[in-house]
Amino acid sequence: MSSPTSSSVAALLDTLKSKEQYRKLPGIRHENQWIVLDNKQLLNISSNDYLGLGNDTQLQSQFLSDLQAMPDSQRPKMGATSSRLLTGNHSQLPLLEAELLEWYTLALPEAQRSTCNKSVLVVNSGYHANIGILPALAKLPLNTLILTDTLIHASLIDGVRLIGNKHPHCTYQRYRHNDMQHLATLIEQAGDEIQRIIVVTESIFSMDGDRANLKALVKLKACDPRIELYIDEAHAVGVLGYNGLGLAEETQTLEDIDYIVGTFGKAFASMGAYVICDASVREWLINQMRSFIFSTALPPITHCWTRFILAKMPSLYQSRSHLANISRRVSYAIHNDSAAQYESPIIPYILGDNASAIKKAQALQQAGFYALPIRPPTVPVGTSRIRLVMNAKLTDDDCSRLIEQLSGS
């Protein structure tokens, strides 16, 4: 006899299936840039491995060789076994944080480097960062208004929700996607009792692949000293900027942003995340950020790999350039707009309803591409799509074959 829970779950799962929103874990195998599904080799155009480093076996062999050359006592361990505040703050972490700050500082205009007062805190994931930083900031005794873009990532939405009504001095509103006029209006409407306004956005939006207008945000900030900018660069790190720091580097707004969040799980082909912020704020987060305090640190060997990739990140400019070129080609094939500027490697191919997205994904898989349908609640109802994701290991011929399939839809 089934329990009330299992009966209820079964009924709700049937509802999801009827709406074609049911998800299941794929039984896949990775072979270099290919995904093997049902014994069929498919070109991967669905992962966030933007620079193709996750499948670079030569790079991995070099890293493993470097590990073998280390003395046993210095070789990073396979598990941290504790939070950073206990015994998990292994030697790889302070080194990684120092190297991230150096990476950031070197991307600043030379005149700003000597006055930089930023610091870096490494955490376990972008999700850990976004659900932890905002609630920690809300604990400060400041009457605060948080303004978020309507299309921010679920982790940022959850971070705002975790504030809840526990901090009555902190309120929350949303502004229309990339609508700077709407944002300016909300800022103007903030009364004198508001002491701090935190504007929260992604730099590259994960589902649409479009960019936030960081220069406009910085201009708004200059007009009101209460404003602080929180920018999630998860999908821009490694992809944009000469050194790969993201959209803030490309737009020369690094120094104007109060909280820059970046992740290692995408272009870095690793795991973890970081926040670049004022040094005193970093200490506050260490003391108040629950997702940091109560999580076991990532394995030291993971951070060692991240350091290995970080050292190479500034030299991958040509890979970023190639990525931009192939992304522009595919985007033009879909939207037929030769005047469109390069946004990101994320190219939404919007079909509308769930059934159409599923059908097109299946057709692309039949043609040799590992493409997946993205459906509600991940995206709004009526905007189901194929989320095409380019990576720097795709060749021009790969793109031509993909364009041929897209053009034949």
Protein backbone atom coordinates (compact mmCIF):
# COMPACT_ATOMS: atom_id res chain seq x y z
CA MET A 1 0.00 0.00 0.00
CA SER A 2 1.47 3.33 -1.03
CA SER A 3 1.87 6.19 1.43
CA PRO A 4 -0.05 9.49 1.07
CA THR A 5 3.20 11.14 -0.03
CA SER A 6 4.02 8.63 -2.77
CA SER A 7 0.43 8.71 -4.08
CA SER A 8 0.46 12.49 -4.23
CA VAL A 9 3.87 12.53 -5.89
CA ALA A 10 2.78 10.01 -8.52
CA ALA A 11 -0.25 12.15 -9.42
CA LEU A 12 1.82 15.31 -9.71
CA LEU A 13 4.42 13.55 -11.85
CA ASP A 14 1.64 12.42 -14.19
CA THR A 15 0.57 16.07 -14.45
CA LEU A 16 4.11 17.09 -15.38
CA LYS A 17 4.19 14.37 -18.04
CA SER A 18 0.89 15.57 -19.50
CA LYS A 19 2.33 19.12 -19.77
CA GLU A 20 5.55 17.73 -21.29
CA GLN A 21 7.52 19.24 -18.41
CA TYR A 22 8.72 15.94 -16.95
CA ARG A 23 12.48 15.68 -16.54
CA LYS A 24 14.76 12.71 -16.03
CA LEU A 25 18.49 12.24 -15.69
CA PRO A 26 20.09 11.31 -19.04
CA GLY A 27 22.21 8.19 -19.25
CA ILE A 28 25.17 9.73 -21.08
CA ARG A 29 28.89 9.18 -21.46
CA HIS A 30 31.50 11.82 -22.31
CA GLU A 31 34.13 11.26 -25.01
CA ASN A 32 36.17 14.43 -25.60
CA GLN A 33 33.76 16.97 -27.14
CA TRP A 34 31.16 14.28 -27.76
CA ILE A 35 28.22 13.00 -25.72
CA VAL A 36 27.37 9.32 -26.18
CA LEU A 37 23.65 8.68 -25.76
CA ASP A 38 22.08 5.32 -26.59
CA ASN A 39 25.37 4.32 -28.23
CA LYS A 40 25.19 7.31 -30.56
CA GLN A 41 27.95 9.93 -30.65
CA LEU A 42 26.56 13.48 -30.50
CA LEU A 43 28.39 16.81 -30.66
CA ASN A 44 27.88 18.58 -27.34
CA ILE A 45 26.15 21.95 -27.77
CA SER A 46 24.44 22.02 -24.38
CA SER A 47 27.10 22.34 -21.68
CA ASN A 48 28.58 25.49 -20.13
CA ASP A 49 32.13 24.37 -20.93
CA TYR A 50 32.59 27.55 -22.97
CA LEU A 51 36.33 27.22 -23.57
CA GLY A 52 36.22 23.45 -24.06
CA LEU A 53 38.66 22.91 -21.19
CA GLY A 54 36.58 20.21 -19.54
CA ASN A 55 37.37 17.78 -22.36
CA ASP A 56 40.97 18.85 -22.99
CA THR A 57 42.81 15.61 -22.22
CA GLN A 58 46.20 17.17 -22.93
CA LEU A 59 45.51 19.83 -20.31
CA GLN A 60 44.38 17.21 -17.81
CA SER A 61 47.51 15.12 -18.45
CA GLN A 62 49.69 18.15 -17.82
CA PHE A 63 47.91 18.81 -14.53
CA LEU A 64 48.26 15.20 -13.38
CA SER A 65 51.93 15.24 -14.34
CA ASP A 66 52.44 18.37 -12.25
CA LEU A 67 50.73 16.66 -9.32
CA GLN A 68 53.00 13.66 -9.58
CA ALA A 69 56.05 15.94 -9.50
CA MET A 70 54.98 17.42 -6.14
CA PRO A 71 56.39 16.03 -2.90
CA ASP A 72 53.89 13.77 -1.15
CA SER A 73 53.55 16.24 1.72
CA GLN A 74 52.53 19.06 -0.65
CA ARG A 75 50.21 17.11 -2.91
CA PRO A 76 46.60 18.33 -2.42
CA LYS A 77 44.26 15.95 -0.65
CA MET A 78 41.11 14.46 -2.12
CA GLY A 79 38.76 15.85 0.52
CA ALA A 80 38.60 18.86 2.84
CA THR A 81 36.51 16.98 5.47
CA SER A 82 35.51 20.19 7.25
CA SER A 83 34.27 23.73 6.78
CA ARG A 84 36.81 26.47 6.17
CA LEU A 85 36.23 27.83 9.68
CA LEU A 86 37.36 24.53 11.21
CA THR A 87 40.10 22.56 9.41
CA GLY A 88 38.98 22.95 5.79
CA ASN A 89 40.93 26.15 5.02
CA HIS A 90 43.67 24.15 3.33
CA SER A 91 46.68 25.86 1.74
CA GLN A 92 45.21 25.82 -1.77
CA LEU A 93 42.42 28.21 -0.78
CA PRO A 94 44.44 31.25 0.39
CA LEU A 95 46.68 30.79 -2.65
CA LEU A 96 43.67 30.69 -4.97
CA GLU A 97 42.14 33.80 -3.38
CA ALA A 98 45.43 35.71 -3.69
CA GLU A 99 45.78 34.71 -7.35
CA LEU A 100 42.18 35.68 -8.10
CA LEU A 101 42.80 39.12 -6.58
CA GLU A 102 45.95 39.50 -8.67
CA TRP A 103 43.99 38.50 -11.79
CA TYR A 104 41.37 41.12 -10.92
CA THR A 105 43.90 43.85 -10.11
CA LEU A 106 45.87 43.37 -13.33
CA ALA A 107 42.63 43.82 -15.31
CA LEU A 108 42.07 47.25 -13.75
CA PRO A 109 43.30 50.42 -15.46
CA GLU A 110 46.84 51.03 -14.22
CA ALA A 111 45.85 54.19 -12.34
CA GLN A 112 43.34 52.21 -10.21
CA ARG A 113 45.62 49.33 -9.20
CA SER A 114 47.40 51.03 -6.32
CA THR A 115 44.15 52.18 -4.69
CA CYS A 116 42.32 48.84 -4.99
CA ASN A 117 40.87 47.81 -1.62
CA LYS A 118 39.06 44.68 -2.80
CA SER A 119 39.38 41.17 -1.44
CA VAL A 120 38.27 37.72 -2.59
CA LEU A 121 36.32 34.98 -0.83
CA VAL A 122 36.06 31.53 -2.42
CA VAL A 123 32.91 29.48 -1.76
CA ASN A 124 31.60 26.11 -2.90
CA SER A 125 29.37 27.15 -5.82
CA GLY A 126 27.57 30.03 -7.43
CA TYR A 127 24.42 28.81 -5.73
CA HIS A 128 26.14 28.90 -2.33
CA ALA A 129 27.32 32.43 -3.09
CA ASN A 130 23.96 33.83 -4.17
CA ILE A 131 21.88 32.26 -1.40
CA GLY A 132 24.42 33.38 1.19
CA ILE A 133 25.68 36.85 0.32
CA LEU A 134 22.37 38.71 0.07
CA PRO A 135 20.96 37.39 3.38
CA ALA A 136 24.27 38.22 5.08
CA LEU A 137 24.16 41.77 3.73
CA ALA A 138 20.55 42.09 4.88
CA LYS A 139 21.67 41.54 8.49
CA LEU A 140 23.39 44.93 8.53
CA PRO A 141 21.32 47.59 10.35
CA LEU A 142 20.62 49.60 7.22
CA ASN A 143 17.23 50.34 5.70
CA THR A 144 17.76 48.54 2.41
CA LEU A 145 15.94 48.26 -0.90
CA ILE A 146 16.99 45.37 -3.16
CA LEU A 147 16.16 45.86 -6.84
CA THR A 148 16.55 42.84 -9.11
CA ASP A 149 16.19 42.25 -12.82
CA THR A 150 13.15 40.08 -13.50
CA LEU A 151 15.27 37.43 -15.26
CA ILE A 152 17.93 36.82 -12.62
CA HIS A 153 18.99 33.24 -11.92
CA ALA A 154 17.04 31.06 -9.48
CA SER A 155 19.92 31.17 -6.99
CA LEU A 156 19.61 34.96 -6.72
CA ILE A 157 15.84 34.70 -6.37
CA ASP A 158 16.33 32.16 -3.58
CA GLY A 159 18.86 34.48 -1.90
CA VAL A 160 16.25 37.24 -1.78
CA ARG A 161 13.58 34.82 -0.57
CA LEU A 162 15.81 33.66 2.29
CA ILE A 163 15.83 37.21 3.61
CA GLY A 164 12.05 36.90 3.89
CA ASN A 165 10.53 38.95 6.68
CA LYS A 166 13.32 38.23 9.13
CA HIS A 167 14.80 41.63 8.39
CA PRO A 168 11.92 44.14 8.17
CA HIS A 169 14.35 46.92 7.30
CA CYS A 170 15.06 45.15 3.98
CA THR A 171 12.51 45.34 1.13
CA TYR A 172 12.57 43.97 -2.40
CA GLN A 173 11.28 45.00 -5.84
CA ARG A 174 11.90 43.84 -9.40
CA TYR A 175 12.58 45.96 -12.45
CA ARG A 176 11.69 44.92 -16.00
CA HIS A 177 14.41 43.01 -17.78
CA ASN A 178 17.25 45.34 -18.78
CA ASP A 179 14.87 48.31 -18.51
CA MET A 180 17.11 51.07 -17.17
CA GLN A 181 14.30 53.61 -17.20
CA HIS A 182 12.12 51.41 -15.00
CA LEU A 183 15.07 50.84 -12.67
CA ALA A 184 15.74 54.59 -12.49
CA THR A 185 12.08 55.21 -11.64
CA LEU A 186 12.18 52.71 -8.77
CA ILE A 187 15.35 54.35 -7.46
CA GLU A 188 13.74 57.79 -7.65
CA GLN A 189 10.73 56.47 -5.73
CA ALA A 190 12.90 55.22 -2.87
CA GLY A 191 12.20 57.48 0.08
CA ASP A 192 14.75 59.25 2.25
CA GLU A 193 14.40 56.49 4.84
CA ILE A 194 16.18 54.08 2.43
CA GLN A 195 19.87 54.09 3.33
CA ARG A 196 21.11 51.50 0.84
CA ILE A 197 19.92 50.29 -2.58
CA ILE A 198 21.40 47.03 -3.88
CA VAL A 199 20.87 46.49 -7.61
CA VAL A 200 21.18 42.80 -8.51
CA THR A 201 21.63 41.39 -12.00
CA GLU A 202 23.46 38.81 -14.04
CA SER A 203 25.98 40.15 -16.54
CA ILE A 204 25.12 37.44 -19.09
CA PHE A 205 21.64 36.02 -18.58
CA SER A 206 21.75 32.26 -18.45
CA MET A 207 18.70 31.46 -20.56
CA ASP A 208 18.63 34.30 -23.11
CA GLY A 209 22.36 34.91 -23.39
CA ASP A 210 21.91 38.68 -23.52
CA ARG A 211 23.94 41.23 -21.58
CA ALA A 212 23.18 43.60 -18.75
CA ASN A 213 23.99 47.24 -19.48
CA LEU A 214 26.78 47.62 -16.93
CA LYS A 215 27.79 51.08 -18.10
CA ALA A 216 24.22 52.33 -17.61
CA LEU A 217 24.13 50.74 -14.15
CA VAL A 218 27.39 52.43 -13.20
CA LYS A 219 26.01 55.74 -14.47
CA LEU A 220 22.92 55.30 -12.26
CA LYS A 221 25.15 54.48 -9.31
CA ALA A 222 27.11 57.70 -9.80
CA CYS A 223 23.87 59.67 -9.36
CA ASP A 224 22.91 58.17 -6.00
CA PRO A 225 25.48 57.32 -3.28
CA ARG A 226 23.08 54.78 -1.75
CA ILE A 227 23.45 52.40 -4.70
CA GLU A 228 25.58 49.26 -4.58
CA LEU A 229 25.91 46.91 -7.57
CA TYR A 230 25.77 43.12 -7.27
CA ILE A 231 26.75 41.48 -10.57
CA ASP A 232 26.69 37.72 -11.16
CA GLU A 233 29.30 37.05 -13.85
CA ALA A 234 28.81 33.26 -13.87
CA HIS A 235 28.30 33.00 -17.64
CA ALA A 236 30.80 35.74 -18.55
CA VAL A 237 33.86 34.60 -16.60
CA GLY A 238 36.40 33.13 -19.00
CA VAL A 239 34.26 34.22 -21.95
CA LEU A 240 34.51 38.02 -22.03
CA GLY A 241 37.31 40.46 -21.35
CA TYR A 242 40.90 40.29 -22.55
CA ASN A 243 41.95 38.43 -19.40
CA GLY A 244 38.66 36.56 -19.10
CA LEU A 245 37.30 38.40 -16.06
CA GLY A 246 33.92 38.89 -17.68
CA LEU A 247 31.66 41.67 -18.87
CA ALA A 248 32.86 44.06 -16.17
CA GLU A 249 36.38 43.82 -17.57
CA GLU A 250 35.17 44.24 -21.15
CA THR A 251 33.15 47.35 -20.23
CA GLN A 252 35.86 48.71 -17.89
CA THR A 253 33.47 48.83 -14.93
CA LEU A 254 35.33 46.47 -12.57
CA GLU A 255 36.16 49.07 -9.94
CA ASP A 256 32.60 50.43 -9.90
CA ILE A 257 30.95 47.13 -8.92
CA ASP A 258 30.62 46.37 -5.22
CA TYR A 259 30.03 42.61 -5.43
CA ILE A 260 31.32 40.57 -8.38
CA VAL A 261 30.35 36.90 -8.23
CA GLY A 262 32.05 34.45 -10.55
CA THR A 263 32.03 30.68 -10.84
CA PHE A 264 34.52 27.95 -11.73
CA GLY A 265 31.94 25.39 -12.87
CA LYS A 266 31.55 26.72 -16.40
CA ALA A 267 34.41 28.17 -18.48
CA PHE A 268 36.94 27.11 -15.80
CA ALA A 269 35.76 23.47 -16.09
CA SER A 270 36.13 23.11 -12.33
CA MET A 271 33.92 23.65 -9.27
CA GLY A 272 33.39 26.52 -6.85
CA ALA A 273 32.79 30.25 -6.95
CA TYR A 274 34.13 33.53 -5.63
CA VAL A 275 33.01 36.99 -4.66
CA ILE A 276 35.17 40.08 -5.10
CA CYS A 277 34.16 42.76 -2.62
CA ASP A 278 35.45 45.24 -0.07
CA ALA A 279 37.89 43.64 2.40
CA SER A 280 35.68 44.44 5.40
CA VAL A 281 32.64 42.95 3.66
CA ARG A 282 34.62 39.75 3.09
CA GLU A 283 35.16 39.46 6.85
CA TRP A 284 31.45 40.05 7.46
CA LEU A 285 30.56 37.27 5.02
CA ILE A 286 32.93 34.87 6.76
CA ASN A 287 31.09 35.57 10.01
CA GLN A 288 27.49 35.78 8.74
CA MET A 289 27.11 33.85 5.47
CA ARG A 290 25.33 30.63 6.43
CA SER A 291 26.01 28.78 3.17
CA PHE A 292 29.72 29.42 3.79
CA ILE A 293 29.82 28.70 7.52
CA PHE A 294 27.88 25.44 7.42
CA SER A 295 29.39 23.80 4.30
CA THR A 296 32.34 21.48 4.07
CA ALA A 297 34.98 23.08 1.85
CA LEU A 298 35.55 21.64 -1.61
CA PRO A 299 38.40 19.14 -2.01
CA PRO A 300 41.88 20.72 -2.08
CA ILE A 301 42.62 18.96 -5.37
CA THR A 302 39.65 20.78 -6.94
CA HIS A 303 41.08 24.17 -5.96
CA CYS A 304 44.50 23.07 -7.19
CA TRP A 305 42.95 22.39 -10.62
CA THR A 306 41.20 25.78 -10.51
CA ARG A 307 44.56 27.48 -9.83
CA PHE A 308 46.05 25.56 -12.75
CA ILE A 309 43.32 26.87 -15.07
CA LEU A 310 43.43 30.39 -13.63
CA ALA A 311 47.13 30.67 -14.49
CA LYS A 312 46.24 29.98 -18.13
CA MET A 313 43.10 32.14 -18.30
CA PRO A 314 44.76 35.40 -19.51
CA SER A 315 46.48 33.51 -22.35
CA LEU A 316 43.20 32.10 -23.75
CA TYR A 317 42.27 35.28 -25.60
CA GLN A 318 42.35 33.55 -29.00
CA SER A 319 39.94 30.90 -27.74
CA ARG A 320 37.59 33.65 -26.58
CA SER A 321 37.88 35.34 -29.97
CA HIS A 322 37.07 32.10 -31.83
CA LEU A 323 34.15 31.52 -29.48
CA ALA A 324 32.78 34.97 -30.31
CA ASN A 325 33.09 34.33 -34.05
CA ILE A 326 31.26 31.00 -34.11
CA SER A 327 28.59 32.28 -31.71
CA ARG A 328 27.96 35.24 -34.00
CA ARG A 329 27.62 32.93 -37.00
CA VAL A 330 25.03 30.69 -35.36
CA SER A 331 23.13 33.63 -33.90
CA TYR A 332 22.91 35.26 -37.32
CA ALA A 333 21.62 32.01 -38.84
CA ILE A 334 18.76 31.95 -36.31
CA HIS A 335 17.86 35.62 -36.17
CA ASN A 336 18.96 36.69 -39.67
CA ASP A 337 20.36 39.96 -38.35
CA SER A 338 23.86 40.68 -39.61
CA ALA A 339 23.95 43.93 -37.63
CA ALA A 340 23.51 42.16 -34.30
CA GLN A 341 26.39 42.52 -31.85
CA TYR A 342 28.01 39.53 -30.18
CA GLU A 343 26.26 38.91 -26.88
CA SER A 344 27.48 35.55 -25.57
CA PRO A 345 27.91 31.86 -26.48
CA ILE A 346 24.35 31.23 -25.27
CA ILE A 347 21.96 31.36 -28.23
CA PRO A 348 18.27 30.81 -27.49
CA TYR A 349 16.35 29.09 -30.27
CA ILE A 350 12.81 29.80 -29.08
CA LEU A 351 10.10 27.41 -30.32
CA GLY A 352 7.24 28.49 -28.03
CA ASP A 353 5.41 25.41 -26.74
CA ASN A 354 6.90 22.41 -24.96
CA ALA A 355 6.05 19.90 -27.70
CA SER A 356 7.82 21.94 -30.41
CA ALA A 357 10.96 22.30 -28.28
CA ILE A 358 11.04 18.57 -27.55
CA LYS A 359 10.49 17.71 -31.22
CA LYS A 360 13.29 20.01 -32.39
CA ALA A 361 15.68 18.67 -29.77
CA GLN A 362 14.99 15.16 -30.97
CA ALA A 363 15.58 16.21 -34.59
CA LEU A 364 18.92 17.78 -33.70
CA GLN A 365 19.92 14.65 -31.81
CA GLN A 366 19.05 12.57 -34.84
CA ALA A 367 21.33 14.85 -36.84
CA GLY A 368 24.22 14.30 -34.41
CA PHE A 369 23.93 17.20 -31.94
CA TYR A 370 23.35 16.88 -28.22
CA ALA A 371 20.68 19.57 -27.86
CA LEU A 372 18.14 19.71 -25.06
CA PRO A 373 14.72 21.36 -24.68
CA ILE A 374 14.42 24.05 -21.99
CA ARG A 375 10.87 24.32 -20.66
CA PRO A 376 8.93 26.02 -17.85
CA PRO A 377 9.52 26.65 -15.00
CA THR A 378 13.13 27.23 -16.09
CA VAL A 379 11.84 29.71 -18.69
CA PRO A 380 8.47 31.53 -18.90
CA VAL A 381 5.47 29.70 -20.31
CA GLY A 382 5.31 30.07 -24.10
CA THR A 383 9.08 30.48 -24.50
CA SER A 384 10.24 26.85 -24.53
CA ARG A 385 13.45 26.64 -26.48
CA ILE A 386 16.63 24.90 -27.43
CA ARG A 387 19.45 26.56 -25.51
CA LEU A 388 22.30 26.33 -28.00
CA VAL A 389 25.66 26.75 -26.27
CA MET A 390 28.84 27.23 -28.25
CA ASN A 391 32.30 26.29 -27.03
CA ALA A 392 35.75 27.18 -28.30
CA LYS A 393 36.55 23.61 -29.41
CA LEU A 394 33.79 23.65 -32.03
CA THR A 395 35.18 24.08 -35.52
CA ASP A 396 33.84 26.20 -38.37
CA ASP A 397 32.72 22.97 -40.04
CA ASP A 398 30.82 21.96 -36.89
CA CYS A 399 29.02 25.29 -37.01
CA SER A 400 28.21 24.92 -40.70
CA ARG A 401 26.58 21.53 -40.04
CA LEU A 402 24.61 22.98 -37.12
CA ILE A 403 23.45 25.95 -39.17
CA GLU A 404 22.34 23.62 -41.94
CA GLN A 405 20.14 21.75 -39.46
CA LEU A 406 18.72 24.94 -37.98
CA SER A 407 18.02 26.45 -41.38
CA GLY A 408 16.10 23.35 -42.41
CA SER A 409 13.60 23.68 -39.54
